[in-house]
N, C-alpha and C. Protein backbone atom coordinates (compact mmCIF):
# COMPACT_ATOMS: atom_id res chain seq x y z
N MET A 1 -7.79 -6.99 -11.98
CA MET A 1 -7.91 -6.96 -10.54
C MET A 1 -7.92 -8.40 -10.02
N ASN A 2 -7.13 -8.64 -9.01
CA ASN A 2 -7.02 -9.97 -8.41
C ASN A 2 -7.51 -9.90 -6.98
N THR A 3 -8.76 -10.22 -6.76
CA THR A 3 -9.27 -10.21 -5.40
C THR A 3 -8.73 -11.41 -4.64
N SER A 4 -8.72 -11.30 -3.33
CA SER A 4 -8.15 -12.40 -2.54
C SER A 4 -8.89 -13.70 -2.79
N TRP A 5 -10.20 -13.63 -2.99
CA TRP A 5 -10.94 -14.88 -3.18
C TRP A 5 -10.70 -15.49 -4.54
N SER A 6 -10.21 -14.71 -5.51
CA SER A 6 -9.92 -15.29 -6.83
C SER A 6 -8.77 -16.28 -6.77
N VAL A 7 -7.92 -16.17 -5.75
CA VAL A 7 -6.80 -17.10 -5.59
C VAL A 7 -7.32 -18.53 -5.42
N ARG A 8 -8.47 -18.68 -4.80
CA ARG A 8 -9.05 -20.02 -4.62
C ARG A 8 -9.38 -20.69 -5.96
N ALA A 9 -9.59 -19.88 -7.00
CA ALA A 9 -9.93 -20.43 -8.31
C ALA A 9 -8.68 -20.85 -9.10
N TRP A 10 -7.49 -20.47 -8.61
CA TRP A 10 -6.27 -20.89 -9.29
C TRP A 10 -6.15 -22.41 -9.16
N PRO A 11 -5.50 -23.05 -10.10
CA PRO A 11 -5.31 -24.50 -9.97
C PRO A 11 -4.58 -24.83 -8.66
N PRO A 12 -5.02 -25.85 -7.96
CA PRO A 12 -4.35 -26.19 -6.69
C PRO A 12 -2.91 -26.62 -6.94
N LEU A 13 -2.06 -26.28 -5.99
CA LEU A 13 -0.65 -26.62 -6.07
C LEU A 13 -0.27 -27.37 -4.81
N LEU A 14 0.10 -28.63 -4.97
CA LEU A 14 0.53 -29.43 -3.82
C LEU A 14 1.97 -29.05 -3.47
N TRP A 15 2.22 -28.85 -2.17
CA TRP A 15 3.54 -28.42 -1.74
C TRP A 15 3.82 -28.93 -0.34
N GLN A 16 5.04 -29.36 -0.08
CA GLN A 16 5.42 -29.80 1.26
C GLN A 16 5.34 -28.62 2.22
N ALA A 17 4.62 -28.79 3.30
CA ALA A 17 4.44 -27.71 4.28
C ALA A 17 5.78 -27.23 4.82
N ALA A 18 6.70 -28.15 5.06
CA ALA A 18 8.00 -27.77 5.64
C ALA A 18 8.78 -26.84 4.71
N GLY A 19 8.51 -26.86 3.42
CA GLY A 19 9.23 -26.00 2.48
C GLY A 19 8.44 -24.82 1.99
N ALA A 20 7.24 -24.63 2.51
CA ALA A 20 6.37 -23.57 2.00
C ALA A 20 6.97 -22.19 2.20
N SER A 21 7.66 -21.97 3.31
CA SER A 21 8.22 -20.63 3.57
C SER A 21 9.39 -20.33 2.65
N HIS A 22 9.87 -21.33 1.87
CA HIS A 22 10.99 -21.10 0.96
C HIS A 22 10.53 -20.65 -0.43
N LEU A 23 9.23 -20.68 -0.68
CA LEU A 23 8.71 -20.16 -1.94
C LEU A 23 8.94 -18.65 -1.99
N ARG A 24 9.27 -18.14 -3.15
CA ARG A 24 9.46 -16.68 -3.31
C ARG A 24 8.19 -16.10 -3.92
N PHE A 25 7.65 -15.09 -3.24
CA PHE A 25 6.41 -14.46 -3.69
C PHE A 25 6.67 -13.02 -4.10
N ASP A 26 5.91 -12.56 -5.09
CA ASP A 26 5.94 -11.17 -5.54
C ASP A 26 4.56 -10.57 -5.36
N HIS A 27 4.55 -9.25 -5.11
CA HIS A 27 3.28 -8.53 -4.96
C HIS A 27 2.55 -8.53 -6.29
N LEU A 28 1.29 -8.90 -6.25
CA LEU A 28 0.47 -8.95 -7.46
C LEU A 28 -0.55 -7.81 -7.47
N ASP A 29 -1.23 -7.60 -6.34
CA ASP A 29 -2.29 -6.60 -6.32
C ASP A 29 -2.64 -6.24 -4.87
N THR A 30 -2.99 -5.00 -4.65
CA THR A 30 -3.53 -4.56 -3.36
C THR A 30 -4.72 -3.66 -3.64
N GLN A 31 -5.80 -3.93 -2.95
CA GLN A 31 -7.00 -3.12 -3.06
C GLN A 31 -7.26 -2.42 -1.73
N VAL A 32 -7.80 -1.22 -1.82
CA VAL A 32 -8.19 -0.45 -0.63
C VAL A 32 -9.69 -0.28 -0.67
N PHE A 33 -10.34 -0.61 0.43
CA PHE A 33 -11.78 -0.45 0.52
C PHE A 33 -12.09 0.75 1.39
N PRO A 34 -13.04 1.56 1.00
CA PRO A 34 -13.40 2.71 1.83
C PRO A 34 -13.94 2.24 3.18
N SER A 35 -13.65 3.02 4.21
CA SER A 35 -14.16 2.65 5.54
C SER A 35 -15.67 2.76 5.54
N SER A 36 -16.30 1.92 6.34
CA SER A 36 -17.75 1.84 6.34
C SER A 36 -18.41 2.84 7.28
N GLY A 37 -17.64 3.64 7.92
CA GLY A 37 -18.21 4.64 8.83
C GLY A 37 -17.13 5.52 9.39
N GLU A 38 -17.54 6.50 10.16
CA GLU A 38 -16.60 7.47 10.70
C GLU A 38 -15.54 6.82 11.59
N ASP A 39 -15.93 5.86 12.39
CA ASP A 39 -15.01 5.21 13.31
C ASP A 39 -14.40 3.92 12.76
N ALA A 40 -14.85 3.50 11.60
CA ALA A 40 -14.35 2.25 11.02
C ALA A 40 -12.98 2.47 10.39
N PRO A 41 -12.06 1.55 10.60
CA PRO A 41 -10.73 1.71 10.01
C PRO A 41 -10.73 1.41 8.52
N LEU A 42 -9.78 1.97 7.83
CA LEU A 42 -9.57 1.70 6.42
C LEU A 42 -9.03 0.28 6.30
N GLY A 43 -9.37 -0.41 5.25
CA GLY A 43 -8.89 -1.78 5.07
C GLY A 43 -8.83 -2.15 3.62
N GLY A 44 -8.47 -3.40 3.36
CA GLY A 44 -8.39 -3.86 1.99
C GLY A 44 -7.90 -5.29 1.93
N GLN A 45 -7.43 -5.65 0.74
CA GLN A 45 -6.91 -6.99 0.49
C GLN A 45 -5.59 -6.87 -0.25
N THR A 46 -4.73 -7.85 -0.07
CA THR A 46 -3.49 -7.90 -0.84
C THR A 46 -3.29 -9.32 -1.34
N VAL A 47 -2.73 -9.42 -2.56
CA VAL A 47 -2.55 -10.71 -3.23
C VAL A 47 -1.09 -10.82 -3.65
N TRP A 48 -0.50 -11.98 -3.39
CA TRP A 48 0.89 -12.25 -3.74
C TRP A 48 0.96 -13.57 -4.52
N ARG A 49 1.91 -13.62 -5.47
CA ARG A 49 2.05 -14.81 -6.31
C ARG A 49 3.50 -15.31 -6.26
N GLY A 50 3.61 -16.62 -6.10
CA GLY A 50 4.91 -17.29 -6.17
C GLY A 50 4.89 -18.23 -7.35
N THR A 51 6.00 -18.29 -8.07
CA THR A 51 6.07 -19.16 -9.23
C THR A 51 7.05 -20.29 -8.95
N ALA A 52 6.58 -21.50 -9.18
CA ALA A 52 7.41 -22.69 -9.03
C ALA A 52 7.30 -23.48 -10.33
N ALA A 53 8.18 -24.43 -10.52
CA ALA A 53 8.13 -25.26 -11.73
C ALA A 53 6.79 -25.96 -11.87
N GLU A 54 6.17 -26.26 -10.72
CA GLU A 54 4.90 -26.99 -10.71
C GLU A 54 3.69 -26.09 -11.00
N GLY A 55 3.87 -24.77 -10.94
CA GLY A 55 2.77 -23.84 -11.19
C GLY A 55 2.83 -22.63 -10.27
N ASP A 56 1.83 -21.79 -10.36
CA ASP A 56 1.76 -20.58 -9.54
C ASP A 56 1.09 -20.86 -8.21
N ALA A 57 1.66 -20.29 -7.16
CA ALA A 57 1.07 -20.34 -5.82
C ALA A 57 0.59 -18.93 -5.49
N GLY A 58 -0.58 -18.84 -4.91
CA GLY A 58 -1.09 -17.53 -4.51
C GLY A 58 -1.44 -17.52 -3.04
N VAL A 59 -1.19 -16.38 -2.42
CA VAL A 59 -1.64 -16.15 -1.05
C VAL A 59 -2.26 -14.76 -1.01
N ALA A 60 -3.32 -14.63 -0.25
CA ALA A 60 -4.02 -13.35 -0.16
C ALA A 60 -4.69 -13.26 1.20
N TRP A 61 -4.90 -12.03 1.66
CA TRP A 61 -5.54 -11.82 2.96
C TRP A 61 -6.05 -10.40 3.06
N ASP A 62 -6.93 -10.20 4.00
CA ASP A 62 -7.47 -8.87 4.29
C ASP A 62 -6.54 -8.17 5.27
N TRP A 63 -6.44 -6.86 5.14
CA TRP A 63 -5.65 -6.06 6.06
C TRP A 63 -6.48 -4.89 6.56
N VAL A 64 -6.05 -4.31 7.65
CA VAL A 64 -6.73 -3.17 8.25
C VAL A 64 -5.69 -2.16 8.72
N MET A 65 -6.02 -0.88 8.61
CA MET A 65 -5.13 0.18 9.07
C MET A 65 -5.38 0.40 10.57
N VAL A 66 -4.35 0.14 11.37
CA VAL A 66 -4.45 0.26 12.81
C VAL A 66 -4.19 1.70 13.25
N SER A 67 -3.24 2.35 12.60
CA SER A 67 -2.92 3.75 12.83
C SER A 67 -2.36 4.29 11.51
N PRO A 68 -2.08 5.58 11.42
CA PRO A 68 -1.59 6.11 10.14
C PRO A 68 -0.33 5.42 9.62
N ASP A 69 0.47 4.84 10.50
CA ASP A 69 1.72 4.22 10.09
C ASP A 69 1.73 2.70 10.22
N VAL A 70 0.61 2.11 10.63
CA VAL A 70 0.60 0.67 10.92
C VAL A 70 -0.59 0.00 10.23
N VAL A 71 -0.27 -1.06 9.45
CA VAL A 71 -1.31 -1.93 8.90
C VAL A 71 -1.06 -3.33 9.44
N ALA A 72 -2.14 -4.07 9.64
CA ALA A 72 -2.04 -5.42 10.19
C ALA A 72 -3.01 -6.33 9.45
N MET A 73 -2.75 -7.63 9.55
CA MET A 73 -3.69 -8.59 8.98
C MET A 73 -5.00 -8.47 9.73
N ALA A 74 -6.10 -8.46 9.01
CA ALA A 74 -7.41 -8.39 9.66
C ALA A 74 -7.69 -9.65 10.46
N ASP A 75 -7.30 -10.80 9.93
CA ASP A 75 -7.49 -12.08 10.62
C ASP A 75 -6.35 -13.00 10.23
N PRO A 76 -5.34 -13.16 11.10
CA PRO A 76 -4.18 -13.99 10.75
C PRO A 76 -4.52 -15.45 10.46
N MET A 77 -5.69 -15.89 10.87
CA MET A 77 -6.09 -17.28 10.60
C MET A 77 -6.81 -17.42 9.26
N CYS A 78 -6.93 -16.33 8.51
CA CYS A 78 -7.69 -16.37 7.26
C CYS A 78 -6.82 -15.91 6.10
N VAL A 79 -5.89 -16.77 5.70
CA VAL A 79 -5.07 -16.53 4.52
C VAL A 79 -5.64 -17.42 3.42
N VAL A 80 -6.03 -16.82 2.32
CA VAL A 80 -6.59 -17.55 1.19
C VAL A 80 -5.43 -18.00 0.31
N SER A 81 -5.46 -19.25 -0.12
CA SER A 81 -4.38 -19.76 -0.95
C SER A 81 -4.85 -20.93 -1.79
N ASN A 82 -4.18 -21.12 -2.92
CA ASN A 82 -4.40 -22.32 -3.71
C ASN A 82 -3.41 -23.41 -3.34
N LEU A 83 -2.51 -23.13 -2.40
CA LEU A 83 -1.57 -24.14 -1.93
C LEU A 83 -2.31 -25.21 -1.14
N ARG A 84 -2.03 -26.44 -1.45
CA ARG A 84 -2.53 -27.57 -0.68
C ARG A 84 -1.30 -28.16 -0.03
N LEU A 85 -1.10 -27.82 1.23
CA LEU A 85 0.13 -28.20 1.92
C LEU A 85 0.09 -29.65 2.36
N LEU A 86 1.23 -30.30 2.23
CA LEU A 86 1.36 -31.71 2.55
C LEU A 86 2.18 -31.89 3.81
N GLY A 87 1.76 -32.82 4.63
CA GLY A 87 2.49 -33.16 5.84
C GLY A 87 3.65 -34.09 5.54
N PRO A 88 4.39 -34.51 6.57
CA PRO A 88 5.59 -35.33 6.37
C PRO A 88 5.31 -36.69 5.73
N ARG A 89 4.11 -37.20 5.85
CA ARG A 89 3.76 -38.49 5.25
C ARG A 89 2.99 -38.33 3.93
N GLY A 90 2.97 -37.12 3.39
CA GLY A 90 2.30 -36.88 2.12
C GLY A 90 0.82 -36.59 2.23
N GLU A 91 0.29 -36.51 3.46
CA GLU A 91 -1.13 -36.23 3.65
C GLU A 91 -1.42 -34.74 3.46
N VAL A 92 -2.56 -34.42 2.86
CA VAL A 92 -2.96 -33.02 2.69
C VAL A 92 -3.39 -32.50 4.05
N LEU A 93 -2.79 -31.38 4.46
CA LEU A 93 -3.12 -30.78 5.75
C LEU A 93 -4.47 -30.09 5.70
N THR A 94 -5.16 -30.06 6.81
CA THR A 94 -6.42 -29.33 6.91
C THR A 94 -6.13 -27.83 6.88
N ALA A 95 -7.17 -27.04 6.70
CA ALA A 95 -7.01 -25.59 6.73
C ALA A 95 -6.42 -25.14 8.06
N TRP A 96 -6.86 -25.74 9.13
CA TRP A 96 -6.35 -25.40 10.47
C TRP A 96 -4.86 -25.72 10.56
N GLU A 97 -4.47 -26.90 10.07
CA GLU A 97 -3.06 -27.30 10.13
C GLU A 97 -2.20 -26.44 9.20
N SER A 98 -2.76 -25.98 8.10
CA SER A 98 -2.02 -25.17 7.13
C SER A 98 -1.84 -23.73 7.59
N ALA A 99 -2.70 -23.25 8.47
CA ALA A 99 -2.70 -21.84 8.87
C ALA A 99 -1.33 -21.38 9.37
N ARG A 100 -0.67 -22.19 10.17
CA ARG A 100 0.64 -21.79 10.70
C ARG A 100 1.65 -21.59 9.58
N HIS A 101 1.65 -22.49 8.60
CA HIS A 101 2.60 -22.40 7.50
C HIS A 101 2.29 -21.20 6.60
N LEU A 102 1.02 -20.96 6.35
CA LEU A 102 0.64 -19.80 5.55
C LEU A 102 0.98 -18.50 6.26
N SER A 103 0.81 -18.47 7.57
CA SER A 103 1.19 -17.27 8.34
C SER A 103 2.69 -17.03 8.27
N GLN A 104 3.49 -18.08 8.23
CA GLN A 104 4.94 -17.92 8.09
C GLN A 104 5.29 -17.30 6.74
N ILE A 105 4.55 -17.68 5.71
CA ILE A 105 4.78 -17.07 4.40
C ILE A 105 4.49 -15.58 4.48
N VAL A 106 3.33 -15.23 5.03
CA VAL A 106 2.94 -13.82 5.14
C VAL A 106 3.97 -13.04 5.96
N TYR A 107 4.40 -13.62 7.06
CA TYR A 107 5.37 -12.96 7.94
C TYR A 107 6.65 -12.61 7.18
N GLY A 108 7.04 -13.44 6.24
CA GLY A 108 8.27 -13.21 5.50
C GLY A 108 8.15 -12.25 4.33
N LEU A 109 6.96 -11.78 4.03
CA LEU A 109 6.76 -10.88 2.90
C LEU A 109 6.78 -9.41 3.33
N PRO A 110 7.25 -8.52 2.46
CA PRO A 110 7.24 -7.08 2.77
C PRO A 110 5.89 -6.44 2.45
N TRP A 111 4.82 -7.08 2.85
CA TRP A 111 3.48 -6.66 2.42
C TRP A 111 3.05 -5.34 3.03
N GLN A 112 3.45 -5.04 4.28
CA GLN A 112 3.04 -3.78 4.89
C GLN A 112 3.59 -2.59 4.10
N GLY A 113 4.82 -2.72 3.62
CA GLY A 113 5.40 -1.66 2.81
C GLY A 113 4.65 -1.46 1.51
N GLU A 114 4.21 -2.55 0.90
CA GLU A 114 3.44 -2.43 -0.34
C GLU A 114 2.09 -1.75 -0.09
N VAL A 115 1.44 -2.13 1.01
CA VAL A 115 0.15 -1.50 1.34
C VAL A 115 0.36 -0.01 1.62
N GLN A 116 1.39 0.33 2.39
CA GLN A 116 1.67 1.74 2.69
C GLN A 116 1.98 2.52 1.42
N ARG A 117 2.69 1.90 0.49
CA ARG A 117 2.99 2.56 -0.78
C ARG A 117 1.71 2.87 -1.55
N ILE A 118 0.80 1.92 -1.59
CA ILE A 118 -0.51 2.12 -2.26
C ILE A 118 -1.27 3.25 -1.57
N LEU A 119 -1.28 3.24 -0.24
CA LEU A 119 -1.99 4.27 0.51
C LEU A 119 -1.40 5.66 0.25
N ARG A 120 -0.08 5.76 0.21
CA ARG A 120 0.56 7.05 -0.08
C ARG A 120 0.17 7.52 -1.47
N HIS A 121 0.15 6.59 -2.43
CA HIS A 121 -0.21 6.93 -3.81
C HIS A 121 -1.65 7.46 -3.88
N LEU A 122 -2.55 6.89 -3.08
CA LEU A 122 -3.94 7.35 -3.08
C LEU A 122 -4.07 8.76 -2.51
N ASN A 123 -3.17 9.11 -1.60
CA ASN A 123 -3.24 10.42 -0.96
C ASN A 123 -2.51 11.51 -1.74
N ASP A 124 -1.79 11.13 -2.81
CA ASP A 124 -1.07 12.12 -3.62
C ASP A 124 -1.99 12.86 -4.54
């Protein structure tokens, strides 16, 4: 099991922020957490791994079921990653500065389909 927070324990990988969206990621794991109450939505975490010559990059985030056919990121500003993104002058970007680049990675992944597939499998 690869929880989203375990990605922080992966060795850090320095990467140019401008090229971060060009990394190719594969689905590694998705977890579903039971809802905490009658009105609480179903949610979970998903973890994706990209492999580069320099090492593995991981991105993970929490998701929530908005409706039976729609899942969304629980907090788009909270993507967990071992990527340490670098700015144009080689400086390590802050978490705030990295958020936009990490969100672009998430946007390019077919993660909603993977979560829906897991949910369908649970209901079979």
